[in-house]
């Protein structure tokens, strides 16, 4: 995706205002009449919009002689670096100087899921061994800039197990 904001877009900054602008008073840090809080977001990227991403999933059903089936699966997802908000903190200057503590950038990542399933001949039940996020990536899905703290949800860690399904 190419999501760059291509026109002038002046907006009152609303991401970690007190920390980035070194303003102690919450009201002043969010005052629409404070011109120091405005930035032109032209050139910024939209949130969670990597320029490139790639997903490939593959499964194949191997029919067994007695009628059951073995079904292996592998899924690979890659995403280019992107931002977690449309503020793109590293593209702007602030009184705080070093903005690395408030970074809303997200690194590129690869996530791999895999499984192998046995399906009964009558398809009444199956059992599956699986592994999700086998690369154990820690991927932030979005960011919130509450003053002094960048927070948001992350991907689930690597996990694996066995699933059993029975159709009544």
Protein backbone atom coordinates (compact mmCIF):
# COMPACT_ATOMS: atom_id res chain seq x y z
CA UNK A 1 0.00 0.00 0.00
CA UNK A 2 1.04 3.55 -0.55
CA UNK A 3 -0.74 5.64 2.06
CA UNK A 4 1.34 8.79 2.24
CA UNK A 5 -0.64 11.93 3.02
CA UNK A 6 0.07 13.97 -0.11
CA UNK A 7 -1.68 17.26 0.71
CA UNK A 8 -1.12 19.74 3.51
CA UNK A 9 -2.88 18.41 6.60
CA UNK A 10 -2.37 20.73 9.57
CA UNK A 11 -3.64 19.11 12.72
CA UNK A 12 -3.33 19.73 16.44
CA UNK A 13 -0.94 17.10 17.71
CA UNK A 14 -2.68 14.58 19.95
CA UNK A 15 -0.08 11.92 20.76
CA UNK A 16 1.88 12.25 24.03
CA UNK A 17 1.40 16.02 24.02
CA UNK A 18 2.59 16.72 27.54
CA UNK A 19 5.79 14.71 27.11
CA UNK A 20 6.71 15.71 23.55
CA UNK A 21 5.98 19.43 24.06
CA UNK A 22 7.27 19.57 27.67
CA UNK A 23 3.98 20.98 28.97
CA UNK A 24 3.03 20.09 32.55
CA UNK A 25 -0.58 21.28 32.39
CA UNK A 26 -2.94 18.86 30.64
CA UNK A 27 -5.28 21.68 29.54
CA UNK A 28 -2.49 23.64 27.84
CA UNK A 29 -1.17 20.46 26.20
CA UNK A 30 -4.56 19.96 24.54
CA UNK A 31 -5.60 23.56 23.93
CA UNK A 32 -6.79 24.07 20.33
CA UNK A 33 -5.63 27.70 20.43
CA UNK A 34 -2.01 26.72 21.22
CA UNK A 35 -0.37 27.04 17.78
CA UNK A 36 2.81 25.27 19.00
CA UNK A 37 0.81 22.01 19.06
CA UNK A 38 0.01 22.05 15.33
CA UNK A 39 2.00 20.06 12.78
CA UNK A 40 1.62 19.49 9.06
CA UNK A 41 1.13 15.75 8.60
CA UNK A 42 1.85 15.91 4.87
CA UNK A 43 4.27 13.08 4.07
CA UNK A 44 3.08 10.91 6.96
CA UNK A 45 1.91 7.33 6.44
CA UNK A 46 -1.39 5.98 7.70
CA UNK A 47 -1.42 3.60 10.65
CA UNK A 48 -0.61 -0.09 10.14
CA UNK A 49 -0.23 0.36 6.38
CA UNK A 50 3.02 -1.27 5.28
CA UNK A 51 4.11 -0.52 1.75
CA UNK A 52 4.54 -4.25 1.12
CA UNK A 53 3.10 -7.37 2.74
CA UNK A 54 2.99 -10.98 1.68
CA UNK A 55 0.98 -13.99 2.82
CA UNK A 56 1.17 -17.52 1.52
CA UNK A 57 -0.81 -20.43 2.92
CA UNK A 58 -0.40 -23.99 1.74
CA UNK A 59 -2.22 -27.15 2.67
CA UNK A 60 -2.62 -30.47 0.93
CA UNK A 61 -4.91 -33.40 1.61
CA UNK A 62 -3.22 -36.79 1.45
CA UNK A 63 -5.96 -39.43 1.15
CA UNK A 64 -5.09 -42.63 3.01
CA UNK A 65 -5.90 -46.13 1.78
CA UNK A 66 -8.45 -46.75 4.57
CA UNK A 67 -10.28 -43.50 3.77
CA UNK A 68 -8.88 -41.10 6.34
CA UNK A 69 -6.65 -38.18 5.45
CA UNK A 70 -3.51 -36.38 6.62
CA UNK A 71 -3.59 -32.63 6.02
CA UNK A 72 -0.42 -30.59 6.64
CA UNK A 73 -0.64 -26.77 6.63
CA UNK A 74 1.90 -23.97 6.68
CA UNK A 75 1.16 -20.23 6.60
CA UNK A 76 3.76 -17.48 6.29
CA UNK A 77 2.97 -13.78 6.66
CA UNK A 78 5.51 -10.98 6.19
CA UNK A 79 4.94 -7.24 6.59
CA UNK A 80 7.24 -4.35 5.76
CA UNK A 81 7.90 -1.71 8.42
CA UNK A 82 5.04 0.68 9.10
CA UNK A 83 3.69 3.07 11.71
CA UNK A 84 1.22 2.35 14.50
CA UNK A 85 -0.42 5.79 14.22
CA UNK A 86 -0.68 8.44 11.54
CA UNK A 87 1.39 10.81 13.71
CA UNK A 88 4.74 9.31 12.50
CA UNK A 89 6.59 10.83 15.46
CA UNK A 90 10.08 10.47 13.96
CA UNK A 91 9.19 12.78 11.04
CA UNK A 92 8.61 15.83 13.27
CA UNK A 93 10.59 18.09 15.60
CA UNK A 94 9.54 18.58 19.23
CA UNK A 95 10.82 20.53 22.23
CA UNK A 96 11.69 17.25 23.98
CA UNK A 97 14.41 16.62 21.36
CA UNK A 98 14.92 12.84 21.53
CA UNK A 99 11.59 11.24 20.58
CA UNK A 100 12.71 7.60 20.63
CA UNK A 101 10.72 6.87 23.81
CA UNK A 102 7.54 7.90 21.96
CA UNK A 103 8.27 6.10 18.69
CA UNK A 104 5.20 4.87 16.84
CA UNK A 105 7.17 2.95 14.19
CA UNK A 106 6.80 -0.79 13.74
CA UNK A 107 9.60 -2.99 12.40
CA UNK A 108 9.09 -5.49 9.58
CA UNK A 109 8.17 -8.99 10.78
CA UNK A 110 7.55 -12.58 9.68
CA UNK A 111 4.97 -14.79 11.35
CA UNK A 112 4.67 -18.54 10.70
CA UNK A 113 1.80 -20.87 11.59
CA UNK A 114 1.77 -24.62 10.89
CA UNK A 115 -0.31 -27.69 11.64
CA UNK A 116 -0.84 -31.31 10.72
CA UNK A 117 -4.30 -32.84 10.93
CA UNK A 118 -5.62 -36.39 10.77
CA UNK A 119 -9.25 -36.61 9.61
CA UNK A 120 -11.24 -39.80 10.22
CA UNK A 121 -12.55 -41.78 7.22
CA UNK A 122 -16.14 -40.65 7.85
CA UNK A 123 -15.02 -37.05 8.60
CA UNK A 124 -16.81 -37.40 11.97
CA UNK A 125 -13.74 -36.34 13.92
CA UNK A 126 -10.21 -35.04 13.49
CA UNK A 127 -7.16 -34.35 15.59
CA UNK A 128 -4.66 -31.63 14.82
CA UNK A 129 -1.25 -30.66 16.19
CA UNK A 130 -0.61 -26.94 15.63
CA UNK A 131 1.89 -24.18 16.24
CA UNK A 132 1.01 -20.49 15.93
CA UNK A 133 3.51 -17.65 15.73
CA UNK A 134 6.37 -20.14 15.51
CA UNK A 135 8.82 -17.28 14.94
CA UNK A 136 7.71 -15.87 18.33
CA UNK A 137 7.27 -12.37 16.91
CA UNK A 138 6.16 -9.61 19.25
CA UNK A 139 4.10 -7.40 16.95
CA UNK A 140 2.28 -4.29 18.14
CA UNK A 141 -1.11 -3.91 16.44
CA UNK A 142 -1.68 -0.22 17.22
CA UNK A 143 -0.45 2.43 19.63
CA UNK A 144 -2.08 4.93 21.96
CA UNK A 145 -0.14 7.95 23.09
CA UNK A 146 -1.43 8.62 26.55
CA UNK A 147 0.87 11.24 27.98
CA UNK A 148 4.17 9.73 28.99
CA UNK A 149 3.28 6.19 27.89
CA UNK A 150 2.95 4.53 24.49
CA UNK A 151 0.70 1.50 24.84
CA UNK A 152 -1.40 -0.89 22.80
CA UNK A 153 -2.06 -4.60 22.15
CA UNK A 154 0.58 -7.06 20.96
CA UNK A 155 0.41 -10.35 19.10
CA UNK A 156 0.04 -13.53 21.09
CA UNK A 157 3.37 -15.26 21.80
CA UNK A 158 4.39 -18.55 20.24
CA UNK A 159 1.94 -21.26 21.21
CA UNK A 160 1.34 -24.83 20.25
CA UNK A 161 -0.98 -27.62 21.16
CA UNK A 162 -3.43 -30.25 20.04
CA UNK A 163 -7.02 -29.74 18.94
CA UNK A 164 -9.67 -32.43 18.78
CA UNK A 165 -12.93 -31.96 16.92
CA UNK A 166 -15.94 -34.26 16.95
CA UNK A 167 -19.13 -33.70 14.91
CA UNK A 168 -22.28 -34.84 16.74
